[in-house]
Amino acid sequence: MERRAEIERWFAARGVPQLIEGYTTEQRMDASAVPYIAGWIVVGTVLLWGRRPSLALTENALGMAFVIAASFVVLAVYLWTRGRPPFRTGMRLDPVDIATIGLVPAVAAAILHGTPSVIIGIGGSVLLGVGIIYLFAAFGLFELAIWAVQYLRAQLAQIATLMSRTMPVLLILVVFLLFASELWQAAHTLGGADLAAVLALLLIVATILVVTGARTEIALIEASRTWATITPLLAGTPAESFAPGLKHAEPPRRLGWRERANIVLLMLLSQLVQALFVALLVLMFLVALGVLAIPASVQATWVGEPVRSVLGFELLGEPRLVSVELLITAGLLGGVSALYFAGLALTDAAFRAEFHARVVGDVEQIMAVHAAYVAVVEGDAEPVG
């Protein structure tokens, strides 16, 4: 049915492919993942296993071209002999095919390096990337990220309004902390793994806040919806023509766990992208303030030893310094600001009315289209027109 295919494309474009009936079948998953697997072989070769630091740029480029070309030619011949033409729409892969995809680039890279022992390590990295691609394909994370960025662009005015209301109070606190020597000392001693762990902790807390709120919102929508409340939400969507045929359909069924998880991911990513945007704004402000107000000598005094320079320049007749410690301090305070913003968008009544409610409205429409779509797929309703 053409209308059904249109709705499925509508779901995929919004990053909720799990709402498509039969999406988790092997053929659907393979068709979605194959283009990204090809891209991973190219990117991985260029960035990871096709580079040799001892060689010049030209020789490295030739080596990368050899690994990429050999990988694609051998894999194409292999898939063709197994009756899976590599350029055919809806190509399917089985576990043997996946293992071969991991082995072939590894062998080509081993030939390039002249070291057979690298096959296991490179093959493992290829397969790890393939596994991540299948995870992303399963929940439409590629499409979801694109949708979230587009949503952020559309909501910039609202975010700016909300920040103008709340950020002045928050900035008083973070500016005060920017001048706390203890925070600079901590930033100086933090290693890469420590910094990643701190930021991951902030991300986990924000994720828990958003996921908890998202699950509650979805449960409320499911508990209160009927065909009378669903049909108005179909206006302007590919399922609009289904509305007249839904009057005598069975009550809307509840979402399965995969469908619910995909919608939660939709809400999570949209909120996190917006929080990240806030974090970047705060970070840039604090870095600019630090460069102007905290000279290198003061940074060194707070840290107890010379700071690590990233960029030095002269401004307004004075030497200025962007240090690693300044970036880490500003980044930590930006992360705290993002967490505050994410929590406020979920709990403050004014924020919910102007900001979070927009996300919930989009989710409610997606769930309405899904309910109508399922009713037609299961034969309870027919499109009109």
Protein backbone atom coordinates (compact mmCIF):
# COMPACT_ATOMS: atom_id res chain seq x y z
CA MET A 1 0.00 0.00 0.00
CA GLU A 2 1.46 3.35 -1.08
CA ARG A 3 0.05 5.22 1.93
CA ARG A 4 1.51 2.67 4.31
CA ALA A 5 4.97 3.10 2.73
CA GLU A 6 4.60 6.87 3.05
CA ILE A 7 3.83 6.57 6.77
CA GLU A 8 6.80 4.25 7.26
CA ARG A 9 9.08 6.79 5.61
CA TRP A 10 7.53 9.43 7.90
CA PHE A 11 8.41 7.30 10.94
CA ALA A 12 11.96 6.69 9.69
CA ALA A 13 12.55 10.40 9.02
CA ARG A 14 11.64 11.15 12.65
CA GLY A 15 13.99 8.53 14.04
CA VAL A 16 11.32 6.06 15.22
CA PRO A 17 11.72 3.08 12.85
CA GLN A 18 10.69 0.64 15.58
CA LEU A 19 7.13 1.87 15.04
CA ILE A 20 7.24 0.29 11.57
CA GLU A 21 5.65 -3.15 11.55
CA GLY A 22 8.29 -5.81 10.89
CA TYR A 23 11.19 -3.39 11.12
CA THR A 24 13.23 -5.75 13.31
CA THR A 25 13.24 -8.43 10.62
CA GLU A 26 16.69 -9.35 9.34
CA GLN A 27 16.08 -7.94 5.87
CA ARG A 28 15.01 -4.54 7.18
CA MET A 29 17.97 -4.33 9.53
CA ASP A 30 20.49 -5.35 6.87
CA ALA A 31 19.08 -2.92 4.30
CA SER A 32 19.43 -0.07 6.80
CA ALA A 33 22.91 -1.05 8.01
CA VAL A 34 24.73 -1.95 4.76
CA PRO A 35 25.42 1.64 3.55
CA TYR A 36 26.85 2.58 6.94
CA ILE A 37 29.02 -0.56 7.03
CA ALA A 38 30.54 0.48 3.70
CA GLY A 39 31.18 3.95 5.14
CA TRP A 40 32.76 2.43 8.27
CA ILE A 41 35.23 0.42 6.15
CA VAL A 42 36.33 3.63 4.39
CA VAL A 43 36.49 5.78 7.54
CA GLY A 44 38.17 3.07 9.60
CA THR A 45 40.79 2.51 6.92
CA VAL A 46 41.61 6.22 6.71
CA LEU A 47 41.64 6.90 10.46
CA LEU A 48 42.73 3.61 12.01
CA TRP A 49 44.05 0.52 10.30
CA GLY A 50 45.22 1.96 6.96
CA ARG A 51 47.72 4.46 8.35
CA ARG A 52 51.45 3.93 8.84
CA PRO A 53 53.16 6.78 10.72
CA SER A 54 56.57 5.94 9.28
CA LEU A 55 55.47 6.63 5.69
CA ALA A 56 54.99 9.88 3.81
CA LEU A 57 51.52 11.26 3.06
CA THR A 58 51.54 10.06 -0.56
CA GLU A 59 52.54 6.53 0.39
CA ASN A 60 49.91 6.46 3.12
CA ALA A 61 47.25 7.60 0.66
CA LEU A 62 48.22 4.80 -1.74
CA GLY A 63 48.14 2.27 1.09
CA MET A 64 44.68 3.40 2.19
CA ALA A 65 43.43 3.24 -1.39
CA PHE A 66 44.76 -0.32 -1.65
CA VAL A 67 43.01 -1.48 1.55
CA ILE A 68 39.69 0.17 0.58
CA ALA A 69 39.74 -1.08 -3.01
CA ALA A 70 40.83 -4.60 -2.06
CA SER A 71 38.18 -4.79 0.68
CA PHE A 72 35.31 -3.75 -1.58
CA VAL A 73 36.39 -5.88 -4.55
CA VAL A 74 36.86 -9.04 -2.48
CA LEU A 75 33.62 -8.50 -0.54
CA ALA A 76 31.68 -7.79 -3.74
CA VAL A 77 32.97 -11.01 -5.36
CA TYR A 78 32.27 -12.98 -2.19
CA LEU A 79 28.70 -11.70 -1.85
CA TRP A 80 28.04 -12.27 -5.53
CA THR A 81 29.13 -15.90 -5.31
CA ARG A 82 26.75 -16.38 -2.39
CA GLY A 83 23.84 -15.03 -4.40
CA ARG A 84 23.77 -11.66 -2.63
CA PRO A 85 24.58 -9.01 -5.27
CA PRO A 86 26.11 -6.14 -3.26
CA PHE A 87 24.25 -3.35 -5.08
CA ARG A 88 20.80 -4.94 -4.93
CA THR A 89 18.10 -3.26 -2.85
CA GLY A 90 17.23 -5.22 0.27
CA MET A 91 20.45 -7.23 0.39
CA ARG A 92 20.60 -9.63 3.35
CA LEU A 93 23.57 -10.65 5.46
CA ASP A 94 23.98 -13.70 7.69
CA PRO A 95 26.56 -14.25 10.48
CA VAL A 96 29.07 -15.73 8.01
CA ASP A 97 28.77 -12.62 5.85
CA ILE A 98 29.30 -10.37 8.87
CA ALA A 99 32.39 -12.36 9.92
CA THR A 100 33.78 -12.07 6.38
CA ILE A 101 33.19 -8.31 6.43
CA GLY A 102 35.35 -8.16 9.55
CA LEU A 103 38.06 -10.44 8.12
CA VAL A 104 38.61 -8.99 4.63
CA PRO A 105 39.67 -5.44 5.61
CA ALA A 106 41.84 -6.92 8.36
CA VAL A 107 43.66 -9.18 5.88
CA ALA A 108 44.11 -6.30 3.43
CA ALA A 109 45.55 -4.12 6.21
CA ALA A 110 47.82 -6.97 7.34
CA ILE A 111 49.20 -7.23 3.79
CA LEU A 112 49.78 -3.47 3.80
CA HIS A 113 51.56 -3.54 7.18
CA GLY A 114 53.36 -6.82 6.46
CA THR A 115 52.28 -8.09 9.87
CA PRO A 116 49.75 -10.96 10.00
CA SER A 117 49.35 -10.50 13.75
CA VAL A 118 47.26 -7.35 13.25
CA ILE A 119 44.44 -9.34 11.68
CA ILE A 120 42.79 -10.16 15.02
CA GLY A 121 42.93 -6.61 16.34
CA ILE A 122 41.77 -4.94 13.13
CA GLY A 123 39.09 -7.57 12.51
CA GLY A 124 37.79 -7.01 16.03
CA SER A 125 37.61 -3.24 15.51
CA VAL A 126 35.76 -3.71 12.20
CA LEU A 127 33.22 -6.03 13.82
CA LEU A 128 32.83 -3.70 16.81
CA GLY A 129 31.95 -0.89 14.42
CA VAL A 130 29.52 -3.16 12.56
CA GLY A 131 27.83 -4.06 15.84
CA ILE A 132 27.43 -0.40 16.78
CA ILE A 133 26.00 0.32 13.32
CA TYR A 134 23.37 -2.40 13.78
CA LEU A 135 22.50 -0.94 17.19
CA PHE A 136 22.11 2.51 15.64
CA ALA A 137 20.09 1.09 12.74
CA ALA A 138 17.78 -0.81 15.10
CA PHE A 139 16.63 2.36 16.86
CA GLY A 140 17.07 4.78 13.97
CA LEU A 141 19.75 6.73 15.80
CA PHE A 142 21.21 8.14 12.58
CA GLU A 143 17.84 9.58 11.53
CA LEU A 144 17.09 10.49 15.14
CA ALA A 145 20.25 12.61 15.39
CA ILE A 146 19.36 14.45 12.17
CA TRP A 147 15.82 15.04 13.45
CA ALA A 148 17.14 16.32 16.80
CA VAL A 149 19.49 18.81 15.15
CA GLN A 150 16.68 20.07 12.90
CA TYR A 151 14.41 20.32 15.94
CA LEU A 152 17.09 22.29 17.79
CA ARG A 153 17.39 24.72 14.89
CA ALA A 154 13.64 25.26 14.90
CA GLN A 155 13.61 25.84 18.67
CA LEU A 156 16.57 28.23 18.96
CA ALA A 157 14.32 31.23 19.59
CA GLN A 158 12.49 29.44 22.41
CA ILE A 159 15.76 28.25 23.95
CA ALA A 160 17.17 31.78 23.82
CA THR A 161 14.03 33.07 25.57
CA LEU A 162 14.29 30.46 28.31
CA MET A 163 18.00 31.09 28.79
CA SER A 164 17.40 34.83 29.10
CA ARG A 165 15.03 34.12 31.99
CA THR A 166 17.12 31.66 33.96
CA MET A 167 20.73 31.89 32.86
CA PRO A 168 21.52 35.22 34.60
CA VAL A 169 20.98 33.61 38.01
CA LEU A 170 22.90 30.50 37.00
CA LEU A 171 25.74 32.53 35.48
CA ILE A 172 26.23 34.35 38.78
CA LEU A 173 26.97 30.97 40.34
CA VAL A 174 29.19 29.61 37.56
CA VAL A 175 31.15 32.88 37.29
CA PHE A 176 31.75 32.73 41.03
CA LEU A 177 32.97 29.13 40.68
CA LEU A 178 35.21 30.13 37.75
CA PHE A 179 37.25 32.18 40.24
CA ALA A 180 37.50 29.33 42.77
CA SER A 181 41.13 28.16 42.95
CA GLU A 182 40.11 24.70 44.16
CA LEU A 183 38.25 24.03 40.91
CA TRP A 184 41.33 25.05 38.93
CA GLN A 185 43.50 22.73 41.00
CA ALA A 186 41.07 19.88 40.32
CA ALA A 187 41.07 20.72 36.60
CA HIS A 188 44.89 20.64 36.59
CA THR A 189 45.03 17.18 38.15
CA LEU A 190 42.23 15.62 36.09
CA GLY A 191 43.44 13.15 33.49
CA GLY A 192 41.57 12.37 30.29
CA ALA A 193 39.87 9.33 31.81
CA ASP A 194 38.92 11.27 34.95
CA LEU A 195 37.41 14.10 32.93
CA ALA A 196 35.49 11.65 30.76
CA ALA A 197 34.16 9.94 33.90
CA VAL A 198 32.96 13.25 35.39
CA LEU A 199 31.21 14.26 32.17
CA ALA A 200 29.74 10.77 31.83
CA LEU A 201 28.33 11.07 35.36
CA LEU A 202 26.61 14.34 34.44
CA LEU A 203 25.28 12.70 31.27
CA ILE A 204 23.94 9.72 33.23
CA VAL A 205 22.12 11.98 35.70
CA ALA A 206 20.61 14.01 32.85
CA THR A 207 19.60 10.81 31.06
CA ILE A 208 17.88 9.44 34.16
CA LEU A 209 15.96 12.70 34.57
CA VAL A 210 14.80 12.79 30.96
CA VAL A 211 14.02 9.05 30.67
CA THR A 212 11.99 9.08 33.88
CA GLY A 213 9.98 12.04 32.66
CA ALA A 214 9.58 10.55 29.17
CA ARG A 215 8.23 7.25 30.48
CA THR A 216 5.70 9.12 32.59
CA GLU A 217 4.59 11.26 29.64
CA ILE A 218 4.17 8.23 27.37
CA ALA A 219 2.16 6.39 30.03
CA LEU A 220 -0.15 9.41 30.45
CA ILE A 221 -0.69 9.68 26.69
CA GLU A 222 -1.50 5.97 26.40
CA ALA A 223 -3.87 6.05 29.36
CA SER A 224 -5.96 8.93 28.06
CA ARG A 225 -6.09 8.42 24.30
CA THR A 226 -9.14 7.29 22.34
CA TRP A 227 -9.92 7.49 18.64
CA ALA A 228 -11.75 10.73 19.35
CA THR A 229 -8.55 12.31 20.70
CA ILE A 230 -6.31 10.63 18.12
CA THR A 231 -8.05 11.64 14.88
CA PRO A 232 -7.46 15.42 15.25
CA LEU A 233 -3.74 14.74 15.63
CA LEU A 234 -3.62 13.02 12.23
CA ALA A 235 -4.19 16.29 10.37
CA GLY A 236 -1.25 17.15 8.16
CA THR A 237 0.32 13.69 8.46
CA PRO A 238 0.42 10.82 5.94
CA ALA A 239 -2.21 9.03 8.09
CA GLU A 240 -4.81 11.80 7.73
CA SER A 241 -6.89 9.79 5.27
CA PHE A 242 -7.21 6.99 7.86
CA ALA A 243 -9.20 9.16 10.28
CA PRO A 244 -12.76 8.48 8.94
CA GLY A 245 -12.24 4.72 9.07
CA LEU A 246 -11.12 4.63 12.71
CA LYS A 247 -14.53 5.19 14.33
CA HIS A 248 -15.35 1.48 14.56
CA ALA A 249 -11.81 0.15 14.93
CA GLU A 250 -10.60 -1.76 17.97
CA PRO A 251 -9.24 0.45 20.79
CA PRO A 252 -5.67 1.62 20.17
CA ARG A 253 -3.21 -1.00 21.35
CA ARG A 254 -0.43 -0.15 23.77
CA LEU A 255 3.13 0.25 22.56
CA GLY A 256 5.52 -2.68 22.71
CA TRP A 257 8.79 -2.33 24.59
CA ARG A 258 10.82 -1.65 21.43
CA GLU A 259 8.38 1.00 20.25
CA ARG A 260 8.31 2.63 23.68
CA ALA A 261 12.12 2.53 23.91
CA ASN A 262 12.43 4.22 20.51
CA ILE A 263 10.08 7.05 21.52
CA VAL A 264 11.96 7.47 24.81
CA LEU A 265 15.17 7.76 22.79
CA LEU A 266 13.50 10.40 20.64
CA MET A 267 12.64 12.48 23.69
CA LEU A 268 16.01 11.83 25.30
CA LEU A 269 18.09 12.88 22.33
CA SER A 270 16.03 16.00 21.64
CA GLN A 271 16.49 17.12 25.24
CA LEU A 272 20.19 16.22 25.38
CA VAL A 273 20.96 18.07 22.14
CA GLN A 274 19.32 21.17 23.55
CA ALA A 275 21.19 20.78 26.85
CA LEU A 276 24.45 20.34 24.94
CA PHE A 277 23.75 23.57 23.08
CA VAL A 278 23.33 25.35 26.42
CA ALA A 279 26.56 23.79 27.70
CA LEU A 280 28.49 25.03 24.67
CA LEU A 281 27.14 28.56 25.09
CA VAL A 282 28.13 28.64 28.76
CA LEU A 283 31.54 27.14 27.96
CA MET A 284 32.28 29.77 25.31
CA PHE A 285 31.17 32.58 27.64
CA LEU A 286 33.36 31.32 30.49
CA VAL A 287 36.38 30.82 28.24
CA ALA A 288 36.01 34.37 26.91
CA LEU A 289 35.63 35.70 30.46
CA GLY A 290 38.60 33.68 31.68
CA VAL A 291 40.83 34.91 28.88
CA LEU A 292 39.94 38.53 29.66
CA ALA A 293 39.88 38.40 33.47
CA ILE A 294 42.29 35.65 34.51
CA PRO A 295 45.85 36.11 33.19
CA ALA A 296 48.28 33.21 32.95
CA SER A 297 50.11 34.31 36.11
CA VAL A 298 46.92 34.09 38.16
CA GLN A 299 46.05 30.70 36.63
CA ALA A 300 49.53 29.45 37.57
CA THR A 301 49.16 30.79 41.12
CA TRP A 302 45.85 28.98 41.60
CA VAL A 303 47.19 25.73 40.11
CA GLY A 304 50.55 25.92 41.89
CA GLU A 305 52.64 25.47 38.75
CA PRO A 306 52.65 26.70 35.13
CA VAL A 307 49.45 25.90 33.24
CA ARG A 308 49.33 24.01 29.94
CA SER A 309 48.91 26.45 27.08
CA VAL A 310 46.56 25.80 24.18
CA LEU A 311 46.56 29.22 22.55
CA GLY A 312 48.38 32.42 23.37
CA PHE A 313 47.80 35.81 21.77
CA GLU A 314 47.78 39.52 22.47
CA LEU A 315 44.54 41.46 22.96
CA LEU A 316 44.05 45.09 23.97
CA GLY A 317 47.79 45.38 24.47
CA GLU A 318 47.94 42.51 27.00
CA PRO A 319 49.08 38.88 26.59
CA ARG A 320 46.16 36.41 26.81
CA LEU A 321 46.17 32.66 27.31
CA VAL A 322 43.71 29.86 26.67
CA SER A 323 44.93 27.03 28.86
CA VAL A 324 43.91 23.41 29.23
CA GLU A 325 42.86 24.19 32.80
CA LEU A 326 40.59 27.02 31.64
CA LEU A 327 38.93 24.76 29.07
CA ILE A 328 38.39 21.97 31.61
CA THR A 329 37.02 24.35 34.24
CA ALA A 330 34.68 26.00 31.76
CA GLY A 331 33.64 22.59 30.40
CA LEU A 332 32.75 21.27 33.85
CA LEU A 333 30.72 24.36 34.66
CA GLY A 334 29.05 24.15 31.24
CA GLY A 335 28.12 20.53 31.95
CA VAL A 336 26.58 21.51 35.29
CA SER A 337 24.64 24.29 33.54
CA ALA A 338 23.34 21.81 30.95
CA LEU A 339 22.19 19.45 33.70
CA TYR A 340 20.42 22.32 35.44
CA PHE A 341 18.74 23.34 32.18
CA ALA A 342 17.59 19.77 31.44
CA GLY A 343 16.11 19.40 34.91
CA LEU A 344 14.41 22.78 34.77
CA ALA A 345 12.81 22.00 31.41
CA LEU A 346 11.22 18.92 32.97
CA THR A 347 10.16 20.23 36.38
CA ASP A 348 9.43 23.96 36.15
CA ALA A 349 5.81 24.67 35.18
CA ALA A 350 6.64 27.67 32.98
CA PHE A 351 9.41 25.79 31.21
CA ARG A 352 7.18 22.79 30.60
CA ALA A 353 4.45 24.93 29.07
CA GLU A 354 6.81 26.65 26.63
CA PHE A 355 9.51 24.10 26.00
CA HIS A 356 9.02 20.50 27.11
CA ALA A 357 5.36 20.54 26.07
CA ARG A 358 6.46 21.01 22.45
CA VAL A 359 8.42 17.75 22.57
CA VAL A 360 5.49 15.96 24.20
CA GLY A 361 3.15 17.33 21.51
CA ASP A 362 5.36 15.90 18.76
CA VAL A 363 5.49 12.55 20.54
CA GLU A 364 1.71 12.55 20.96
CA GLN A 365 1.29 13.08 17.22
CA ILE A 366 3.78 10.29 16.41
CA MET A 367 1.89 7.93 18.72
CA ALA A 368 -1.42 8.95 17.10
CA VAL A 369 -0.09 8.20 13.61
CA HIS A 370 1.24 4.88 14.88
CA ALA A 371 -2.14 3.93 16.36
CA ALA A 372 -3.88 4.65 13.04
CA TYR A 373 -1.14 2.87 11.12
CA VAL A 374 -1.45 -0.26 13.27
CA ALA A 375 -5.25 -0.24 12.94
CA VAL A 376 -4.95 -0.28 9.14
CA VAL A 377 -2.15 -2.88 9.09
CA GLU A 378 -4.21 -5.17 11.31
CA GLY A 379 -7.31 -4.66 9.15
CA ASP A 380 -9.41 -2.72 11.64
CA ALA A 381 -9.66 0.38 9.45
CA GLU A 382 -9.27 1.47 5.83
CA PRO A 383 -8.01 4.73 4.38
CA VAL A 384 -10.51 7.02 2.73
CA GLY A 385 -9.54 8.91 -0.41
